[in-house]
Amino acid sequence: MSRTGAGTELVKLRPLAPPLVFCAMLAACGGGAPPRPEPTPLPTAPPPAPPPRVNLTPLCRGIPDTYACGRVIERYQIRRAPRFVSRNGDTLTVRLGGSLLESFVNKDLEHENGVSYTYREFIPEIEHHLVHAHLYEGTGYLLVSHTTGDMVRIHAPPIFSPDGNRFATASEDLESRYNPNEIQIWRIGESAIVLEWNLEPAGNPVVIAPGAWGPKNLRWISPTEIRVQKVTVDPDTFTRTEGEDVVIRLVRGRWRVMLREEGYFALNALAARL
């Protein structure tokens, strides 16, 4: 009830609408609080990546044994990236992308089937980890995909072409024959790493054959040319001789060995059939 003045008629006021009805009326008239804006999503930090490559050669200066060198490199890399590399006794563990873990367990190196693994480095160009496998006699390497855990066996650390589409490896062993004596060129595909070409300059003899040579100091000159230094060993005295470069070129879609003749490199007819 409301009084408008002395002697005046009382006016009966309508009761206020219940709160829910009041809110509905405001909504119908377009009133009420403005709609809340959608919250802006916070930027997602990229997953941590292993540290970049560094020159590892100085770490092994004065260490002739490859296994001892591998252990030195591994301890260095564990200090750099304990999130990705760890060791517990004979077990080397590499943390891959997501929650994947890859473990490598050493076996007795004193046995002919023994193998011991050491971590070498992460290679960002192909997003693979490089693991060094030390055998009872000889050595090798495993490329381990950081994304899938898939592995590729190679003979030596990869050396990448200037355009990043390929890498090459050179393994020289003319004397003990515990390791391959071979050059390999690998093509980096979208979903796989594919062996594109290989050459065993000495074949696979039990003894050193006349004319056999091994590859050393591999380097890329261009995306379509690599050079390696030719190493020969005298089969009688086992004297090593480091000779001139051997040139390997991509010619009409195929890799060819070129020979130096009269001041220029000509196609090796024998290698052309490889």
Protein backbone atom coordinates (compact mmCIF):
# COMPACT_ATOMS: atom_id res chain seq x y z
CA MET A 1 0.00 0.00 0.00
CA SER A 2 1.12 3.61 -0.69
CA ARG A 3 -0.24 6.89 0.65
CA THR A 4 -0.29 9.84 -1.84
CA GLY A 5 -1.40 12.55 0.59
CA ALA A 6 -3.78 13.37 3.48
CA GLY A 7 -7.35 12.29 2.76
CA THR A 8 -6.39 10.72 -0.53
CA GLU A 9 -7.25 7.27 -1.75
CA LEU A 10 -4.87 4.50 -1.00
CA VAL A 11 -3.37 2.87 -4.06
CA LYS A 12 -2.57 -0.81 -3.94
CA LEU A 13 0.84 -1.55 -5.50
CA ARG A 14 1.44 -4.68 -7.48
CA PRO A 15 3.82 -7.11 -5.85
CA LEU A 16 7.30 -7.36 -7.39
CA ALA A 17 7.75 -10.17 -9.84
CA PRO A 18 9.59 -13.17 -8.53
CA PRO A 19 13.33 -13.09 -9.38
CA LEU A 20 13.15 -15.78 -12.05
CA VAL A 21 10.29 -14.03 -13.82
CA PHE A 22 12.15 -10.72 -13.57
CA CYS A 23 15.23 -12.22 -15.18
CA ALA A 24 13.11 -13.70 -17.97
CA MET A 25 11.53 -10.29 -18.62
CA LEU A 26 14.95 -8.66 -18.89
CA ALA A 27 16.11 -11.31 -21.31
CA ALA A 28 13.01 -10.80 -23.44
CA CYS A 29 13.72 -7.07 -23.63
CA GLY A 30 17.35 -7.56 -24.44
CA GLY A 31 18.48 -6.35 -21.05
CA GLY A 32 20.61 -7.98 -18.41
CA ALA A 33 24.34 -8.38 -18.12
CA PRO A 34 26.30 -8.59 -21.38
CA PRO A 35 27.43 -12.11 -22.34
CA ARG A 36 30.82 -13.11 -21.06
CA PRO A 37 33.52 -13.25 -23.74
CA GLU A 38 35.07 -16.61 -24.47
CA PRO A 39 38.26 -17.03 -22.43
CA THR A 40 41.44 -16.63 -24.44
CA PRO A 41 43.37 -19.95 -24.36
CA LEU A 42 46.81 -19.69 -22.86
CA PRO A 43 49.66 -20.41 -25.30
CA THR A 44 50.88 -23.99 -25.09
CA ALA A 45 54.60 -24.34 -24.58
CA PRO A 46 56.26 -26.67 -27.08
CA PRO A 47 57.50 -29.94 -25.62
CA PRO A 48 61.13 -29.78 -24.55
CA ALA A 49 63.64 -30.96 -27.12
CA PRO A 50 67.03 -32.57 -26.60
CA PRO A 51 69.96 -30.15 -26.73
CA PRO A 52 71.56 -29.32 -30.10
CA ARG A 53 74.61 -31.08 -31.50
CA VAL A 54 78.09 -30.04 -30.44
CA ASN A 55 81.57 -31.03 -31.54
CA LEU A 56 82.35 -34.21 -29.61
CA THR A 57 85.84 -34.80 -31.00
CA PRO A 58 87.74 -32.97 -28.22
CA LEU A 59 86.14 -35.22 -25.59
CA CYS A 60 88.00 -38.26 -26.88
CA ARG A 61 91.36 -36.69 -27.59
CA GLY A 62 94.00 -39.11 -26.37
CA ILE A 63 91.50 -41.98 -25.89
CA PRO A 64 92.26 -44.66 -28.51
CA ASP A 65 89.63 -47.15 -27.34
CA THR A 66 86.22 -46.56 -28.96
CA TYR A 67 84.26 -48.00 -26.04
CA ALA A 68 86.06 -45.81 -23.50
CA CYS A 69 85.45 -42.84 -25.80
CA GLY A 70 81.77 -43.76 -26.03
CA ARG A 71 81.41 -43.82 -22.25
CA VAL A 72 83.02 -40.39 -21.97
CA ILE A 73 80.61 -38.97 -24.56
CA GLU A 74 77.62 -40.60 -22.88
CA ARG A 75 78.45 -39.15 -19.45
CA TYR A 76 78.79 -35.73 -21.05
CA GLN A 77 75.40 -36.04 -22.78
CA ILE A 78 73.69 -37.25 -19.60
CA ARG A 79 74.92 -34.12 -17.84
CA ARG A 80 73.57 -32.00 -20.70
CA ALA A 81 70.19 -33.72 -21.02
CA PRO A 82 69.29 -35.84 -17.97
CA ARG A 83 65.63 -35.61 -19.01
CA PHE A 84 66.32 -37.58 -22.19
CA VAL A 85 69.25 -39.86 -21.40
CA SER A 86 69.96 -41.94 -18.33
CA ARG A 87 71.88 -45.02 -17.34
CA ASN A 88 71.27 -47.57 -14.61
CA GLY A 89 74.06 -50.12 -14.56
CA ASP A 90 73.99 -52.02 -17.87
CA THR A 91 70.78 -50.34 -19.07
CA LEU A 92 70.84 -47.21 -21.21
CA THR A 93 67.44 -45.48 -21.43
CA VAL A 94 66.52 -42.85 -24.03
CA ARG A 95 63.33 -40.85 -23.58
CA LEU A 96 61.62 -40.27 -26.90
CA GLY A 97 58.72 -37.97 -27.81
CA GLY A 98 55.62 -38.24 -25.65
CA SER A 99 55.97 -40.97 -23.06
CA LEU A 100 58.02 -43.40 -25.17
CA LEU A 101 61.09 -44.96 -23.59
CA GLU A 102 63.69 -47.03 -25.43
CA SER A 103 66.09 -49.16 -23.41
CA PHE A 104 69.36 -50.75 -24.54
CA VAL A 105 70.80 -53.46 -22.29
CA ASN A 106 74.49 -54.32 -22.45
CA LYS A 107 75.58 -57.92 -22.91
CA ASP A 108 78.93 -59.37 -21.94
CA LEU A 109 81.54 -57.86 -24.25
CA GLU A 110 83.90 -60.72 -23.43
CA HIS A 111 81.56 -63.05 -25.34
CA GLU A 112 81.54 -63.17 -29.13
CA ASN A 113 77.84 -62.24 -29.14
CA GLY A 114 78.36 -59.44 -26.64
CA VAL A 115 77.32 -55.85 -27.29
CA SER A 116 77.45 -52.67 -25.25
CA TYR A 117 75.56 -49.46 -26.01
CA THR A 118 76.53 -45.86 -25.39
CA TYR A 119 74.54 -42.74 -26.19
CA ARG A 120 76.20 -40.37 -28.64
CA GLU A 121 73.87 -37.48 -29.55
CA PHE A 122 70.52 -36.18 -30.76
CA ILE A 123 70.43 -35.15 -34.44
CA PRO A 124 67.81 -32.41 -34.93
CA GLU A 125 68.07 -32.48 -38.74
CA ILE A 126 66.22 -35.80 -38.79
CA GLU A 127 64.91 -35.90 -35.19
CA HIS A 128 66.79 -39.10 -34.40
CA HIS A 129 69.00 -40.18 -31.52
CA LEU A 130 72.35 -41.77 -32.37
CA VAL A 131 73.33 -44.76 -30.23
CA HIS A 132 76.77 -46.35 -30.55
CA ALA A 133 76.82 -50.17 -30.49
CA HIS A 134 80.17 -51.67 -29.42
CA LEU A 135 80.51 -55.29 -30.49
CA TYR A 136 82.90 -58.02 -29.39
CA GLU A 137 84.74 -57.29 -32.63
CA GLY A 138 83.76 -54.12 -34.46
CA THR A 139 81.28 -51.35 -33.98
CA GLY A 140 78.10 -49.86 -35.44
CA TYR A 141 75.43 -47.24 -34.88
CA LEU A 142 71.67 -47.07 -34.45
CA LEU A 143 69.52 -44.13 -35.52
CA VAL A 144 66.46 -44.08 -33.23
CA SER A 145 63.46 -41.97 -34.25
CA HIS A 146 62.50 -39.49 -31.53
CA THR A 147 58.86 -39.74 -32.71
CA THR A 148 58.26 -43.44 -33.32
CA GLY A 149 61.24 -45.32 -31.90
CA ASP A 150 61.94 -46.92 -35.30
CA MET A 151 65.62 -47.79 -35.80
CA VAL A 152 68.01 -47.73 -38.74
CA ARG A 153 71.43 -49.39 -38.61
CA ILE A 154 74.32 -47.41 -40.09
CA HIS A 155 78.10 -47.94 -40.15
CA ALA A 156 79.32 -44.52 -39.00
CA PRO A 157 78.00 -41.16 -37.77
CA PRO A 158 76.01 -39.45 -40.56
CA ILE A 159 77.36 -36.51 -42.55
CA PHE A 160 74.55 -34.40 -44.04
CA SER A 161 74.31 -32.90 -47.52
CA PRO A 162 74.12 -29.09 -47.81
CA ASP A 163 70.40 -29.22 -48.68
CA GLY A 164 69.61 -31.63 -45.84
CA ASN A 165 67.95 -34.17 -48.13
CA ARG A 166 70.59 -36.88 -47.68
CA PHE A 167 73.37 -38.05 -45.45
CA ALA A 168 76.37 -40.25 -46.14
CA THR A 169 78.54 -42.55 -44.04
CA ALA A 170 82.03 -43.91 -44.64
CA SER A 171 83.48 -46.92 -42.82
CA GLU A 172 87.06 -47.92 -43.60
CA ASP A 173 88.49 -51.28 -42.53
CA LEU A 174 90.95 -52.96 -44.87
CA GLU A 175 92.92 -54.87 -42.27
CA SER A 176 90.90 -56.42 -39.46
CA ARG A 177 87.66 -56.67 -41.48
CA TYR A 178 85.67 -56.37 -38.24
CA ASN A 179 83.83 -53.36 -39.67
CA PRO A 180 82.43 -52.79 -43.16
CA ASN A 181 84.64 -51.13 -45.74
CA GLU A 182 81.82 -49.22 -47.35
CA ILE A 183 80.32 -45.89 -48.41
CA GLN A 184 76.58 -45.43 -48.00
CA ILE A 185 74.29 -42.62 -49.15
CA TRP A 186 70.88 -42.37 -47.47
CA ARG A 187 67.87 -40.37 -48.66
CA ILE A 188 65.71 -38.69 -46.02
CA GLY A 189 62.05 -39.25 -46.92
CA GLU A 190 58.92 -37.88 -45.29
CA SER A 191 58.25 -41.07 -43.38
CA ALA A 192 61.44 -43.13 -43.66
CA ILE A 193 65.20 -43.04 -44.17
CA VAL A 194 66.11 -45.09 -47.26
CA LEU A 195 69.46 -46.46 -48.39
CA GLU A 196 69.91 -44.93 -51.84
CA TRP A 197 73.39 -46.13 -52.84
CA ASN A 198 76.37 -47.99 -51.44
CA LEU A 199 79.84 -49.01 -52.56
CA GLU A 200 82.29 -51.54 -51.10
CA PRO A 201 85.59 -50.53 -52.76
CA ALA A 202 87.38 -53.70 -51.63
CA GLY A 203 84.49 -56.04 -52.11
CA ASN A 204 84.46 -58.48 -49.21
CA PRO A 205 87.77 -60.36 -49.39
CA VAL A 206 89.34 -62.46 -46.68
CA VAL A 207 92.71 -60.89 -47.52
CA ILE A 208 93.53 -57.49 -48.95
CA ALA A 209 93.00 -57.68 -52.71
CA PRO A 210 95.20 -55.77 -55.17
CA GLY A 211 93.68 -52.37 -55.90
CA ALA A 212 91.44 -52.43 -52.83
CA TRP A 213 90.97 -49.13 -51.06
CA GLY A 214 89.03 -47.71 -48.16
CA PRO A 215 87.13 -44.42 -47.73
CA LYS A 216 88.28 -41.74 -45.30
CA ASN A 217 87.43 -38.06 -44.62
CA LEU A 218 84.05 -38.04 -46.36
CA ARG A 219 82.64 -34.56 -47.10
CA TRP A 220 79.92 -33.06 -49.25
CA ILE A 221 80.97 -30.62 -51.98
CA SER A 222 77.40 -29.95 -53.12
CA PRO A 223 74.01 -31.68 -52.78
CA THR A 224 75.01 -33.91 -55.71
CA GLU A 225 78.70 -34.57 -55.00
CA ILE A 226 80.74 -36.10 -52.21
CA ARG A 227 84.46 -36.76 -51.94
CA VAL A 228 86.37 -39.30 -49.89
CA GLN A 229 90.06 -39.80 -49.45
CA LYS A 230 91.36 -43.08 -50.82
CA VAL A 231 93.28 -45.22 -48.31
CA THR A 232 95.28 -48.26 -49.44
CA VAL A 233 97.12 -50.93 -47.47
CA ASP A 234 100.07 -52.93 -48.74
CA PRO A 235 99.06 -56.62 -48.41
CA ASP A 236 102.64 -57.68 -47.56
CA THR A 237 103.82 -54.95 -45.17
CA PHE A 238 100.38 -53.59 -44.10
CA THR A 239 101.69 -50.09 -44.72
CA ARG A 240 98.86 -47.59 -45.01
CA THR A 241 98.92 -44.91 -47.69
CA GLU A 242 96.50 -42.00 -47.91
CA GLY A 243 96.01 -41.03 -51.54
CA GLU A 244 93.95 -38.64 -53.63
CA ASP A 245 90.24 -37.99 -53.43
CA VAL A 246 87.61 -40.19 -54.99
CA VAL A 247 84.68 -38.19 -56.36
CA ILE A 248 81.12 -39.56 -56.27
CA ARG A 249 78.43 -37.63 -58.17
CA LEU A 250 74.73 -37.88 -58.80
CA VAL A 251 74.53 -38.21 -62.60
CA ARG A 252 71.15 -38.55 -64.32
CA GLY A 253 69.55 -39.79 -61.13
CA ARG A 254 72.24 -42.33 -60.25
CA TRP A 255 75.32 -42.04 -58.05
CA ARG A 256 78.56 -42.64 -59.96
CA VAL A 257 82.24 -42.95 -59.03
CA MET A 258 84.37 -40.52 -61.05
CA LEU A 259 88.08 -40.98 -61.82
CA ARG A 260 90.65 -38.26 -62.38
CA GLU A 261 91.84 -38.47 -65.99
CA GLU A 262 93.83 -35.77 -67.79
CA GLY A 263 92.91 -33.05 -65.34
CA TYR A 264 89.17 -33.74 -65.13
CA PHE A 265 86.89 -36.28 -63.56
CA ALA A 266 85.52 -38.89 -65.94
CA LEU A 267 82.93 -41.52 -65.26
CA ASN A 268 84.37 -44.79 -64.04
CA ALA A 269 83.02 -47.39 -66.45
CA LEU A 270 83.16 -50.13 -63.84
CA ALA A 271 81.34 -48.03 -61.22
CA ALA A 272 78.73 -47.07 -63.79
CA ARG A 273 77.46 -50.63 -63.71
CA LEU A 274 76.97 -50.58 -59.91
